[in-house]
Amino acid sequence: MLSQLYIENIAVIERAELTFHKGLNVLTGETGAGKSIVIDAIHAVLGERISKELVRTGAACAIISAVFDAPAPEAEAALERLGYPKEEDGALFIQRTISAEGKSSCRINGRPATVSALKELGVHLIHIHGQNESYDLLSPNLHIQYIDAMGELGGLLARYQEQYRALRSIREERDALRMDESEKARRMDLLAYQIEELESAQLRAGELQELTELRNFYQNGEKVAASLMEAQRFLSGDEETSGAEQALEQAVSSLREAARYFPASEGLAQRMQELSFELEDCTGELRDLAQQTDWDPQRLEDIEERLDSLHRLTRKYGETEEEMLAFLERAKTELDQISLSEERRAQLDDDYREAKEKATRLAESLSQERRKAAAKFAERVKREMTFLNMPGVRLIVAQNLCGLNSMGCDDIQFLISTNPGEPPKPIAKIASGGELSRMMLSIKTALADKDAIDTLIFDEVDTGVSGSAAQKVGLKLKEVSRSRQVICITHSAQIAALADEHLRIHKEIREGRTFTHVDILDFAGRKKELARIVGGVQMTDLTLKSAEEMLIMAGFSKQS
């Protein structure tokens, strides 16, 4: 139950604190006083979208907070599911702040929250029934939801929808396999050609780099051979000069001779001897390298051809051998899938038939339950409409079979006849605004025991209704409020007179700014407010007396 609502800097409301109680709570006030802003604030704290334009001019931000006493078990379960702690006293505190720039922040029981968390929690706290919802009755595609609510068919509908989603998934995969035969043949030919071209190339990772290096070597083979020969001449010498190898041997021999008489040179002689051995090894390796530089023009031509072939493949299948090999594997997989598509499609056809049979059985069960619920729904709503001064209205729930869709196999539409002898027709063609309001209230009353929402808000549900019909709307709201909290915004004195708690919303202008206030009315205040609603600005002794009689007839006394 909503016990407190705090609003700060929302439109013309600078600051207001509203206290609600059990039973029927009524808000009245002149047009433009700010009643709709209260509803906007409640929408905001329930996680609905709110415009930054609602932030009061000149304010940095707007704040809305709400306290709920002893929320319903479904709300507590949602709170636990979202990971928020319960307060010690069992109350639930929600706050939302909207900056002038449009940024929003939320808190649940003092902890940061997301707007989506507010929305998930909010559906278990309050139902708001506004003028727009009455006009939802003009949309036949929403009528099926009321029947499902009456029959409490949410579980059965969920099972059907799960099976229907599986059916659609199978159908989409099957349809994707139904490729045009000529297109399939063209695709298979292309894939076969690509696979053959890549497989015949015998690709090997790293081959491009190796061949590029070999090509560079062969293209510069003569230079390499000449350099190696020159290096060998410097080491081994030729007919005209001795090389470094022979010179080093002579140096070692000379040092050996000196060591006979000068032992200090023996170490150096040994080191140079080791250098001589190392130089002999270098000469041998140089000789081997020179033998590998035999230049073969045909080998270079083969390398050029192979590189050209590989580069042509890279332009079509990928820049590297790895990318081309990956393309090859994908092509093989796709070709296998197309080749096996007939077999897979046959399997999918079997799966589709089985899934459709299951979905059809569930849809038929759902349809049968809806037929039972529709009869109960029509009976209850007719009874409620009769009470609300619509005794001549006949309501028929037209239920026709249709193809399987997300809601089953039913096409449901409400048909009414407002006058005896007239055939029932779609609501959109007959109902007036007042009739829509009363019909919606009748539906909500008929469905009142189908949900566990503690708080119902009716925003000007009395639109287009006056006189005894308005009084009966009030009596019906009073009846509903016996089992849950009802908050009603109204312009009807008959409804306001029945309130257990009456709040008056009014505005005043100070220093060129508009301010809205909310007052809890006592008996005298209620009498004046009812007189204003009935008689307008000029209150007379007669209108005040009439207002007092309305309160007394509703069970209130001057001492209350």
Protein backbone atom coordinates (compact mmCIF):
# COMPACT_ATOMS: atom_id res chain seq x y z
CA MET A 1 0.00 0.00 0.00
CA LEU A 2 1.27 3.47 -0.92
CA SER A 3 1.46 5.41 2.35
CA GLN A 4 3.54 8.48 1.43
CA LEU A 5 4.45 10.31 -1.75
CA TYR A 6 6.96 13.16 -1.72
CA ILE A 7 7.28 15.43 -4.77
CA GLU A 8 9.85 18.18 -5.20
CA ASN A 9 10.34 20.46 -8.19
CA ILE A 10 7.96 18.70 -10.58
CA ALA A 11 6.33 21.28 -12.89
CA VAL A 12 4.25 23.66 -10.73
CA ILE A 13 4.81 21.60 -7.59
CA GLU A 14 7.75 23.05 -5.68
CA ARG A 15 7.28 20.70 -2.73
CA ALA A 16 4.40 18.48 -1.69
CA GLU A 17 3.97 15.54 0.64
CA LEU A 18 0.90 13.38 0.18
CA THR A 19 -0.23 10.86 2.78
CA PHE A 20 -2.54 8.04 1.71
CA HIS A 21 -4.49 5.56 3.81
CA LYS A 22 -6.42 2.36 3.36
CA GLY A 23 -9.74 2.54 1.62
CA LEU A 24 -10.80 5.17 -0.91
CA ASN A 25 -8.48 8.18 -1.26
CA VAL A 26 -9.77 10.98 -3.49
CA LEU A 27 -7.87 13.90 -5.01
CA THR A 28 -9.84 16.86 -6.29
CA GLY A 29 -8.97 20.32 -7.51
CA GLU A 30 -9.58 22.73 -10.32
CA THR A 31 -8.33 21.96 -13.80
CA GLY A 32 -4.63 22.80 -14.03
CA ALA A 33 -4.06 22.64 -10.28
CA GLY A 34 -1.59 19.77 -10.66
CA LYS A 35 -3.60 16.56 -10.27
CA SER A 36 -2.12 15.03 -13.44
CA ILE A 37 1.36 15.95 -12.18
CA VAL A 38 0.79 13.69 -9.18
CA ILE A 39 0.07 10.83 -11.57
CA ASP A 40 3.19 11.70 -13.59
CA ALA A 41 5.23 11.57 -10.38
CA ILE A 42 3.84 8.14 -9.49
CA HIS A 43 4.61 6.92 -12.99
CA ALA A 44 8.18 8.16 -12.55
CA VAL A 45 8.73 6.40 -9.24
CA LEU A 46 7.43 3.19 -10.83
CA GLY A 47 10.14 3.35 -13.48
CA GLU A 48 8.19 4.84 -16.36
CA ARG A 49 9.80 7.29 -18.77
CA ILE A 50 9.70 10.91 -17.65
CA SER A 51 10.68 14.03 -19.57
CA LYS A 52 13.24 16.50 -18.26
CA GLU A 53 10.69 19.17 -19.19
CA LEU A 54 8.80 18.26 -16.01
CA VAL A 55 11.66 19.54 -13.86
CA ARG A 56 10.51 22.84 -12.37
CA THR A 57 12.01 25.86 -14.13
CA GLY A 58 15.14 27.07 -12.36
CA ALA A 59 15.56 23.88 -10.30
CA ALA A 60 18.68 21.71 -10.60
CA CYS A 61 16.71 18.52 -10.24
CA ALA A 62 13.37 16.97 -9.36
CA ILE A 63 12.92 14.37 -6.62
CA ILE A 64 10.10 11.87 -6.19
CA SER A 65 10.03 9.36 -3.35
CA ALA A 66 7.41 6.87 -2.25
CA VAL A 67 6.93 4.70 0.82
CA PHE A 68 4.94 1.46 0.60
CA ASP A 69 3.74 -0.25 3.78
CA ALA A 70 3.66 -4.07 3.85
CA PRO A 71 4.01 -4.64 0.08
CA ALA A 72 2.39 -7.72 -1.44
CA PRO A 73 4.30 -11.06 -1.47
CA GLU A 74 4.87 -10.68 -5.23
CA ALA A 75 6.55 -7.32 -4.63
CA GLU A 76 8.71 -8.79 -1.85
CA ALA A 77 9.71 -11.65 -4.15
CA ALA A 78 10.68 -9.16 -6.86
CA LEU A 79 12.67 -7.17 -4.29
CA GLU A 80 14.59 -10.30 -3.28
CA ARG A 81 15.10 -11.31 -6.90
CA LEU A 82 16.60 -7.89 -7.63
CA GLY A 83 18.94 -8.23 -4.64
CA TYR A 84 17.62 -5.47 -2.37
CA PRO A 85 17.23 -5.89 1.41
CA LYS A 86 13.97 -5.59 3.27
CA GLU A 87 13.58 -2.84 5.82
CA GLU A 88 13.16 -3.91 9.46
CA ASP A 89 9.62 -2.56 9.57
CA GLY A 90 8.75 -4.23 6.26
CA ALA A 91 8.30 -0.92 4.45
CA LEU A 92 9.63 -0.27 0.95
CA PHE A 93 11.26 3.06 0.05
CA ILE A 94 11.77 4.12 -3.58
CA GLN A 95 13.33 7.36 -4.76
CA ARG A 96 14.02 8.79 -8.20
CA THR A 97 15.90 11.97 -9.07
CA ILE A 98 15.77 13.66 -12.49
CA SER A 99 18.28 16.39 -13.28
CA ALA A 100 17.50 19.43 -15.40
CA GLU A 101 19.74 17.85 -18.07
CA GLY A 102 17.55 14.75 -18.13
CA LYS A 103 19.82 12.36 -16.21
CA SER A 104 18.08 9.99 -13.84
CA SER A 105 19.18 8.22 -10.67
CA CYS A 106 17.18 5.75 -8.59
CA ARG A 107 17.34 4.16 -5.16
CA ILE A 108 15.50 1.22 -3.61
CA ASN A 109 15.65 1.02 0.19
CA GLY A 110 18.59 3.42 0.11
CA ARG A 111 20.66 1.48 -2.42
CA PRO A 112 21.36 2.59 -6.00
CA ALA A 113 19.05 1.02 -8.59
CA THR A 114 18.32 1.14 -12.31
CA VAL A 115 15.15 2.39 -13.95
CA SER A 116 14.50 -1.14 -15.22
CA ALA A 117 14.65 -2.41 -11.63
CA LEU A 118 12.04 0.18 -10.62
CA LYS A 119 9.86 -0.93 -13.50
CA GLU A 120 10.18 -4.61 -12.63
CA LEU A 121 9.26 -3.87 -9.02
CA GLY A 122 6.60 -1.28 -9.85
CA VAL A 123 4.28 -3.69 -11.69
CA HIS A 124 3.72 -5.47 -8.35
CA LEU A 125 2.97 -2.29 -6.41
CA ILE A 126 0.45 -0.13 -8.28
CA HIS A 127 -1.92 -0.36 -11.22
CA ILE A 128 -2.86 2.97 -12.76
CA HIS A 129 -6.07 3.13 -14.77
CA GLY A 130 -6.30 6.36 -16.69
CA GLN A 131 -8.48 7.84 -19.39
CA ASN A 132 -6.19 6.44 -22.05
CA GLU A 133 -6.64 2.92 -20.73
CA SER A 134 -10.39 3.22 -21.21
CA TYR A 135 -9.72 3.94 -24.85
CA ASP A 136 -7.62 0.76 -25.02
CA LEU A 137 -10.98 -0.99 -25.15
CA LEU A 138 -11.27 0.33 -28.70
CA SER A 139 -8.31 -1.88 -29.68
CA PRO A 140 -9.50 -5.49 -30.20
CA ASN A 141 -5.99 -6.93 -30.00
CA LEU A 142 -5.96 -6.09 -26.26
CA HIS A 143 -9.26 -7.80 -25.44
CA ILE A 144 -7.66 -11.24 -25.30
CA GLN A 145 -5.52 -10.09 -22.36
CA TYR A 146 -8.62 -9.43 -20.23
CA ILE A 147 -9.95 -12.92 -20.96
CA ASP A 148 -6.62 -14.50 -20.05
CA ALA A 149 -6.62 -12.51 -16.80
CA MET A 150 -10.13 -13.72 -15.97
CA GLY A 151 -9.16 -17.34 -16.61
CA GLU A 152 -5.78 -16.96 -14.89
CA LEU A 153 -4.23 -18.47 -18.02
CA GLY A 154 -0.78 -16.92 -17.71
CA GLY A 155 0.93 -20.27 -17.05
CA LEU A 156 -0.76 -22.06 -19.95
CA LEU A 157 -0.07 -19.11 -22.26
CA ALA A 158 3.63 -19.13 -21.25
CA ARG A 159 3.92 -22.85 -22.10
CA TYR A 160 2.27 -22.28 -25.45
CA GLN A 161 4.49 -19.29 -26.26
CA GLU A 162 7.62 -21.30 -25.46
CA GLN A 163 6.48 -24.03 -27.87
CA TYR A 164 5.49 -21.43 -30.47
CA ARG A 165 8.96 -19.87 -30.33
CA ALA A 166 10.49 -23.32 -30.90
CA LEU A 167 8.13 -23.82 -33.85
CA ARG A 168 9.17 -20.50 -35.42
CA SER A 169 12.85 -21.30 -34.94
CA ILE A 170 12.48 -24.60 -36.80
CA ARG A 171 10.47 -22.93 -39.54
CA GLU A 172 13.05 -20.19 -40.05
CA GLU A 173 15.89 -22.72 -40.35
CA ARG A 174 13.85 -24.86 -42.74
CA ASP A 175 12.94 -21.88 -44.92
CA ALA A 176 16.58 -20.82 -45.04
CA LEU A 177 17.45 -24.22 -46.55
CA ARG A 178 14.86 -23.87 -49.30
CA MET A 179 17.28 -22.30 -51.74
CA ASP A 180 16.31 -21.99 -55.38
CA GLU A 181 17.60 -25.09 -57.21
CA SER A 182 19.43 -23.11 -59.89
CA GLU A 183 20.98 -20.87 -57.22
CA LYS A 184 21.97 -23.97 -55.26
CA ALA A 185 23.64 -25.49 -58.34
CA ARG A 186 25.53 -22.27 -59.05
CA ARG A 187 26.69 -22.04 -55.48
CA MET A 188 27.84 -25.65 -55.38
CA ASP A 189 29.79 -25.23 -58.65
CA LEU A 190 31.52 -22.13 -57.32
CA LEU A 191 32.41 -23.82 -54.03
CA ALA A 192 33.71 -26.92 -55.81
CA TYR A 193 35.91 -24.75 -58.06
CA GLN A 194 37.27 -22.78 -55.10
CA ILE A 195 38.02 -25.94 -53.13
CA GLU A 196 39.79 -27.55 -56.11
CA GLU A 197 41.85 -24.41 -56.76
CA LEU A 198 42.99 -24.14 -53.14
CA GLU A 199 43.64 -27.85 -52.62
CA SER A 200 45.66 -28.18 -55.84
CA ALA A 201 47.83 -25.28 -54.70
CA GLN A 202 49.03 -27.42 -51.77
CA LEU A 203 49.33 -24.41 -49.52
CA ARG A 204 51.84 -24.42 -46.69
CA ALA A 205 52.09 -21.84 -43.94
CA GLY A 206 55.20 -19.65 -44.31
CA GLU A 207 55.85 -20.60 -47.95
CA LEU A 208 55.33 -17.08 -49.29
CA GLN A 209 58.03 -15.66 -47.06
CA GLU A 210 60.47 -18.49 -47.83
CA LEU A 211 60.01 -18.13 -51.60
CA THR A 212 60.38 -14.37 -51.42
CA GLU A 213 63.72 -14.75 -49.64
CA LEU A 214 64.91 -17.37 -52.15
CA ARG A 215 63.94 -15.15 -55.06
CA ASN A 216 65.92 -12.28 -53.59
CA PHE A 217 68.90 -14.62 -53.24
CA TYR A 218 68.78 -15.91 -56.81
CA GLN A 219 68.20 -12.47 -58.24
CA ASN A 220 71.51 -11.40 -56.58
CA GLY A 221 73.37 -14.72 -57.02
CA GLU A 222 76.24 -13.38 -59.12
CA LYS A 223 76.98 -10.64 -56.58
CA VAL A 224 76.91 -13.17 -53.74
CA ALA A 225 79.27 -15.57 -55.58
CA ALA A 226 81.76 -12.82 -56.40
CA SER A 227 81.81 -11.63 -52.79
CA LEU A 228 82.38 -15.14 -51.49
CA MET A 229 85.23 -15.77 -53.94
CA GLU A 230 86.91 -12.52 -52.94
CA ALA A 231 86.59 -13.41 -49.25
CA GLN A 232 88.11 -16.85 -50.00
CA ARG A 233 91.04 -15.21 -51.85
CA PHE A 234 91.77 -13.00 -48.86
CA LEU A 235 91.88 -16.03 -46.59
CA SER A 236 93.62 -18.63 -48.80
CA GLY A 237 95.51 -16.38 -51.18
CA ASP A 238 96.20 -16.94 -54.88
CA GLU A 239 99.14 -17.33 -57.28
CA GLU A 240 100.32 -13.78 -56.68
CA THR A 241 99.63 -13.20 -52.96
CA SER A 242 99.52 -15.26 -49.82
CA GLY A 243 96.33 -15.17 -47.82
CA ALA A 244 95.58 -14.44 -44.20
CA GLU A 245 95.70 -18.14 -43.37
CA GLN A 246 99.32 -18.54 -44.56
CA ALA A 247 100.36 -15.24 -42.93
CA LEU A 248 98.95 -16.36 -39.60
CA GLU A 249 100.82 -19.69 -39.78
CA GLN A 250 104.07 -17.81 -40.40
CA ALA A 251 103.38 -15.52 -37.45
CA VAL A 252 102.78 -18.54 -35.18
CA SER A 253 106.06 -20.15 -36.37
CA SER A 254 107.97 -16.96 -35.62
CA LEU A 255 106.50 -16.72 -32.14
CA ARG A 256 107.37 -20.33 -31.44
CA GLU A 257 110.97 -19.60 -32.35
CA ALA A 258 111.00 -16.54 -30.05
CA ALA A 259 109.52 -18.58 -27.21
CA ARG A 260 112.61 -20.76 -27.15
CA TYR A 261 114.55 -17.81 -25.80
CA PHE A 262 111.69 -15.61 -24.47
CA PRO A 263 109.13 -17.76 -22.60
CA ALA A 264 106.80 -14.80 -22.11
CA SER A 265 105.77 -15.05 -25.79
CA GLU A 266 104.61 -18.67 -25.48
CA GLY A 267 101.11 -17.73 -24.37
CA LEU A 268 100.63 -15.41 -27.31
CA ALA A 269 101.92 -18.07 -29.67
CA GLN A 270 99.34 -20.51 -28.28
CA ARG A 271 96.49 -18.06 -28.72
CA MET A 272 97.49 -17.29 -32.32
CA GLN A 273 97.74 -21.02 -32.99
CA GLU A 274 94.09 -21.35 -31.89
CA LEU A 275 93.20 -18.46 -34.19
CA SER A 276 94.91 -20.32 -37.00
CA PHE A 277 92.75 -23.39 -36.40
CA GLU A 278 89.58 -21.22 -36.30
CA LEU A 279 90.62 -19.54 -39.54
CA GLU A 280 91.00 -22.95 -41.19
CA ASP A 281 87.41 -23.76 -40.14
CA CYS A 282 86.16 -20.46 -41.56
CA THR A 283 87.93 -21.18 -44.84
CA GLY A 284 86.18 -24.56 -45.03
CA GLU A 285 82.75 -23.07 -44.37
CA LEU A 286 83.43 -20.35 -46.92
CA ARG A 287 84.27 -23.02 -49.46
CA ASP A 288 80.98 -24.83 -48.72
CA LEU A 289 78.96 -21.62 -49.11
CA ALA A 290 80.63 -20.89 -52.42
CA GLN A 291 79.58 -24.32 -53.68
CA GLN A 292 75.92 -23.48 -52.83
CA THR A 293 75.86 -20.40 -55.01
CA ASP A 294 75.66 -22.23 -58.27
CA TRP A 295 73.19 -19.98 -60.11
CA ASP A 296 70.32 -21.88 -61.77
CA PRO A 297 68.10 -19.71 -64.03
CA GLN A 298 65.42 -22.40 -64.14
CA ARG A 299 65.14 -22.46 -60.33
CA LEU A 300 64.52 -18.70 -60.30
CA GLU A 301 61.84 -19.09 -62.98
CA ASP A 302 60.12 -21.81 -60.93
CA ILE A 303 60.13 -19.59 -57.87
CA GLU A 304 58.66 -16.67 -59.82
CA GLU A 305 55.87 -18.86 -61.18
CA ARG A 306 55.02 -20.24 -57.73
CA LEU A 307 54.96 -16.76 -56.19
CA ASP A 308 52.73 -15.48 -58.98
CA SER A 309 50.32 -18.37 -58.41
CA LEU A 310 50.21 -17.75 -54.67
CA HIS A 311 49.70 -14.00 -55.09
CA ARG A 312 46.75 -14.64 -57.44
CA LEU A 313 45.19 -16.81 -54.73
CA THR A 314 45.75 -14.15 -52.04
CA ARG A 315 43.74 -11.65 -54.07
CA LYS A 316 40.75 -14.00 -53.93
CA TYR A 317 40.97 -15.93 -50.69
CA GLY A 318 43.07 -14.02 -48.14
CA GLU A 319 46.36 -12.22 -47.66
CA THR A 320 48.14 -15.07 -45.86
CA GLU A 321 48.35 -18.83 -46.19
CA GLU A 322 46.44 -19.14 -42.89
CA GLU A 323 43.55 -17.01 -44.19
CA MET A 324 43.41 -18.98 -47.43
CA LEU A 325 43.39 -22.31 -45.56
CA ALA A 326 40.60 -21.01 -43.33
CA PHE A 327 38.62 -20.02 -46.44
CA LEU A 328 39.12 -23.55 -47.75
CA GLU A 329 37.68 -25.08 -44.58
CA ARG A 330 34.65 -22.76 -44.68
CA ALA A 331 34.02 -23.61 -48.32
CA LYS A 332 34.15 -27.33 -47.56
CA THR A 333 31.74 -26.89 -44.65
CA GLU A 334 29.26 -24.89 -46.72
CA LEU A 335 29.42 -27.36 -49.59
CA ASP A 336 28.74 -30.20 -47.15
CA GLN A 337 25.81 -28.31 -45.68
CA ILE A 338 24.29 -27.65 -49.09
CA SER A 339 24.90 -31.22 -50.15
CA LEU A 340 23.27 -32.46 -46.97
CA SER A 341 20.52 -29.79 -46.97
CA GLU A 342 17.94 -32.17 -48.39
CA GLU A 343 18.59 -34.59 -45.58
CA ARG A 344 18.55 -31.77 -43.01
CA ARG A 345 15.42 -30.28 -44.52
CA ALA A 346 13.67 -33.63 -44.32
CA GLN A 347 14.63 -33.80 -40.65
CA LEU A 348 13.41 -30.24 -40.10
CA ASP A 349 10.11 -31.09 -41.81
CA ASP A 350 9.62 -33.90 -39.30
CA ASP A 351 10.64 -31.62 -36.42
CA TYR A 352 8.28 -28.91 -37.68
CA ARG A 353 5.31 -31.28 -37.87
CA GLU A 354 5.98 -32.53 -34.36
CA ALA A 355 6.45 -29.00 -32.96
CA LYS A 356 3.31 -27.77 -34.72
CA GLU A 357 1.27 -30.63 -33.29
CA LYS A 358 2.45 -29.75 -29.78
CA ALA A 359 1.80 -26.03 -30.30
CA THR A 360 -1.64 -26.75 -31.78
CA ARG A 361 -2.61 -28.94 -28.82
CA LEU A 362 -1.56 -26.23 -26.38
CA ALA A 363 -3.35 -23.55 -28.44
CA GLU A 364 -6.54 -25.63 -28.50
CA SER A 365 -6.35 -26.14 -24.74
CA LEU A 366 -5.83 -22.41 -24.32
CA SER A 367 -8.78 -21.70 -26.60
CA GLN A 368 -11.06 -24.01 -24.61
CA GLU A 369 -10.08 -22.35 -21.34
CA ARG A 370 -10.61 -18.94 -22.91
CA ARG A 371 -14.12 -19.93 -23.95
CA LYS A 372 -14.93 -20.78 -20.33
CA ALA A 373 -13.28 -17.60 -19.08
CA ALA A 374 -15.09 -15.49 -21.69
CA ALA A 375 -18.51 -16.67 -20.48
CA LYS A 376 -17.58 -15.86 -16.87
CA PHE A 377 -16.07 -12.53 -17.94
CA ALA A 378 -19.18 -11.45 -19.89
CA GLU A 379 -21.45 -12.40 -16.98
CA ARG A 380 -19.41 -10.51 -14.37
CA VAL A 381 -18.88 -7.40 -16.48
CA LYS A 382 -22.57 -7.30 -17.45
CA ARG A 383 -23.50 -7.44 -13.76
CA GLU A 384 -21.12 -4.59 -12.95
CA MET A 385 -22.32 -2.47 -15.90
CA THR A 386 -25.92 -2.97 -14.81
CA PHE A 387 -25.01 -1.57 -11.42
CA LEU A 388 -23.33 1.40 -13.11
CA ASN A 389 -26.59 2.47 -14.82
CA MET A 390 -25.96 0.53 -18.03
CA PRO A 391 -28.68 -2.14 -17.70
CA GLY A 392 -29.49 -2.23 -21.40
CA VAL A 393 -25.93 -2.97 -22.48
CA ARG A 394 -25.21 -6.44 -23.78
CA LEU A 395 -21.58 -7.59 -23.88
CA ILE A 396 -20.57 -10.48 -26.11
CA VAL A 397 -17.07 -11.91 -26.29
CA ALA A 398 -16.67 -12.92 -29.93
CA GLN A 399 -14.11 -15.72 -30.12
CA ASN A 400 -13.06 -16.98 -33.54
CA LEU A 401 -10.30 -19.38 -34.51
CA CYS A 402 -7.33 -18.09 -36.50
CA GLY A 403 -3.89 -19.29 -37.49
CA LEU A 404 -1.29 -19.90 -34.82
CA ASN A 405 0.33 -16.72 -33.54
CA SER A 406 2.10 -15.58 -30.39
CA MET A 407 -1.20 -15.51 -28.47
CA GLY A 408 -2.56 -18.87 -29.63
CA CYS A 409 -5.24 -19.56 -32.21
CA ASP A 410 -7.96 -17.15 -31.04
CA ASP A 411 -9.22 -13.87 -32.43
CA ILE A 412 -11.13 -12.25 -29.54
CA GLN A 413 -13.14 -9.04 -29.72
CA PHE A 414 -15.69 -7.45 -27.40
CA LEU A 415 -19.02 -6.59 -29.01
CA ILE A 416 -21.67 -4.51 -27.26
CA SER A 417 -25.21 -3.41 -27.79
CA THR A 418 -26.16 -0.31 -25.83
CA ASN A 419 -29.86 -0.41 -26.62
CA PRO A 420 -32.32 -3.32 -26.64
CA GLY A 421 -33.03 -4.65 -30.11
CA GLU A 422 -29.76 -3.49 -31.59
CA PRO A 423 -27.27 -6.14 -32.71
CA PRO A 424 -23.92 -6.16 -30.88
CA LYS A 425 -21.18 -4.27 -32.70
CA PRO A 426 -17.50 -3.51 -32.05
CA ILE A 427 -17.00 -1.13 -29.12
CA ALA A 428 -15.29 1.47 -31.29
CA LYS A 429 -18.47 1.93 -33.32
CA ILE A 430 -20.86 2.39 -30.41
CA ALA A 431 -19.41 3.33 -27.02
CA SER A 432 -19.17 6.93 -25.85
CA GLY A 433 -16.46 8.27 -23.55
CA GLY A 434 -18.64 7.87 -20.47
CA GLU A 435 -19.62 4.34 -21.45
CA LEU A 436 -15.97 3.45 -22.00
CA SER A 437 -15.06 4.71 -18.53
CA ARG A 438 -17.81 2.74 -16.84
CA MET A 439 -17.08 -0.33 -18.92
CA MET A 440 -13.40 -0.20 -17.95
CA LEU A 441 -14.35 0.18 -14.27
CA SER A 442 -16.66 -2.81 -14.65
CA ILE A 443 -13.83 -4.85 -16.16
CA LYS A 444 -11.39 -3.83 -13.43
CA THR A 445 -13.96 -4.71 -10.78
CA ALA A 446 -14.64 -8.07 -12.39
CA LEU A 447 -10.91 -8.80 -12.44
CA ALA A 448 -10.22 -7.37 -8.99
CA ASP A 449 -9.64 -10.78 -7.40
CA LYS A 450 -7.28 -11.92 -10.17
CA ASP A 451 -4.20 -10.02 -9.04
CA ALA A 452 -2.50 -9.21 -5.77
CA ILE A 453 -1.84 -5.52 -6.41
CA ASP A 454 -2.40 -3.57 -3.20
CA THR A 455 -2.99 -0.15 -4.78
CA LEU A 456 -5.25 0.84 -7.68
CA ILE A 457 -5.21 4.38 -9.05
CA PHE A 458 -8.11 5.65 -11.17
CA ASP A 459 -7.34 8.84 -13.05
CA GLU A 460 -10.61 10.61 -13.90
CA VAL A 461 -12.45 7.35 -14.49
CA ASP A 462 -15.66 9.39 -14.15
CA THR A 463 -15.07 11.21 -17.47
CA GLY A 464 -18.39 11.63 -19.28
CA VAL A 465 -20.37 10.36 -16.27
CA SER A 466 -22.68 12.42 -14.06
CA GLY A 467 -25.72 12.18 -11.85
CA SER A 468 -26.72 8.82 -10.44
CA ALA A 469 -24.24 7.06 -12.75
CA ALA A 470 -21.40 9.02 -11.14
CA GLN A 471 -22.65 8.09 -7.69
CA LYS A 472 -22.69 4.42 -8.64
CA VAL A 473 -19.17 4.70 -10.01
CA GLY A 474 -18.24 6.05 -6.59
CA LEU A 475 -20.02 3.19 -4.85
CA LYS A 476 -18.18 0.71 -7.04
CA LEU A 477 -14.84 2.36 -6.23
CA LYS A 478 -15.81 2.21 -2.56
CA GLU A 479 -16.57 -1.48 -2.91
CA VAL A 480 -13.21 -2.17 -4.53
CA SER A 481 -11.45 -0.18 -1.80
CA ARG A 482 -12.66 -2.60 0.87
CA SER A 483 -10.09 -5.17 -0.27
CA ARG A 484 -7.32 -2.84 -1.42
CA GLN A 485 -6.23 0.77 -1.46
CA VAL A 486 -7.89 2.92 -4.12
CA ILE A 487 -6.67 6.38 -5.12
CA CYS A 488 -9.00 8.31 -7.40
CA ILE A 489 -8.59 11.64 -9.17
CA THR A 490 -12.04 12.96 -9.89
CA HIS A 491 -14.16 15.97 -10.80
CA SER A 492 -17.30 14.31 -9.46
CA ALA A 493 -18.80 15.45 -6.16
CA GLN A 494 -20.73 12.17 -5.87
CA ILE A 495 -17.48 10.18 -5.96
CA ALA A 496 -15.55 12.59 -3.72
CA ALA A 497 -18.28 12.43 -1.06
CA LEU A 498 -17.63 8.69 -0.62
CA ALA A 499 -13.89 9.06 0.05
CA ASP A 500 -12.35 7.78 3.25
CA GLU A 501 -9.60 10.39 2.77
CA HIS A 502 -10.06 13.56 0.72
CA LEU A 503 -7.05 15.54 -0.53
CA ARG A 504 -7.45 18.89 -2.24
CA ILE A 505 -4.87 20.07 -4.77
CA HIS A 506 -4.79 23.81 -5.35
CA LYS A 507 -2.34 26.39 -6.64
CA GLU A 508 -1.45 29.96 -5.85
CA ILE A 509 0.75 32.59 -7.49
CA ARG A 510 3.44 34.31 -5.45
CA GLU A 511 5.99 36.76 -6.84
CA GLY A 512 5.11 35.74 -10.39
CA ARG A 513 5.63 32.00 -9.76
CA THR A 514 3.01 29.26 -9.52
CA PHE A 515 2.99 26.97 -6.48
CA THR A 516 0.83 23.90 -5.92
CA HIS A 517 -0.27 22.70 -2.47
CA VAL A 518 -1.98 19.56 -1.22
CA ASP A 519 -4.29 19.75 1.80
CA ILE A 520 -5.94 16.94 3.74
CA LEU A 521 -9.54 18.05 4.25
CA ASP A 522 -11.62 17.71 7.38
CA PHE A 523 -15.42 17.64 7.28
CA ALA A 524 -15.71 21.42 6.84
CA GLY A 525 -13.06 21.48 4.17
CA ARG A 526 -14.69 18.59 2.33
CA LYS A 527 -18.04 20.37 2.43
CA LYS A 528 -16.55 23.48 0.84
CA GLU A 529 -14.72 21.46 -1.80
CA LEU A 530 -17.84 19.49 -2.73
CA ALA A 531 -19.78 22.75 -2.94
CA ARG A 532 -17.12 24.16 -5.26
CA ILE A 533 -17.34 21.10 -7.52
CA VAL A 534 -21.13 21.30 -7.63
CA GLY A 535 -21.62 25.05 -7.86
CA GLY A 536 -18.36 26.44 -9.18
CA VAL A 537 -16.71 29.60 -7.85
CA GLN A 538 -19.90 31.05 -6.29
CA MET A 539 -20.74 28.90 -3.26
CA THR A 540 -24.22 29.45 -1.87
CA ASP A 541 -25.90 28.26 1.28
CA LEU A 542 -27.80 25.81 -0.92
CA THR A 543 -24.70 24.26 -2.46
CA LEU A 544 -23.01 24.04 0.95
CA LYS A 545 -26.13 22.40 2.39
CA SER A 546 -26.25 19.98 -0.52
CA ALA A 547 -22.58 19.13 -0.01
CA GLU A 548 -23.15 18.49 3.69
CA GLU A 549 -26.07 16.17 2.91
CA MET A 550 -23.90 14.22 0.48
CA LEU A 551 -21.28 13.66 3.19
CA ILE A 552 -23.85 12.66 5.78
CA MET A 553 -25.50 10.24 3.36
CA ALA A 554 -22.07 8.74 2.70
CA GLY A 555 -21.72 8.04 6.42
CA PHE A 556 -19.63 11.01 7.57
CA SER A 557 -20.50 13.41 10.35
CA LYS A 558 -19.35 16.87 11.31
CA GLN A 559 -17.18 15.35 14.02
CA SER A 560 -15.37 13.02 11.64
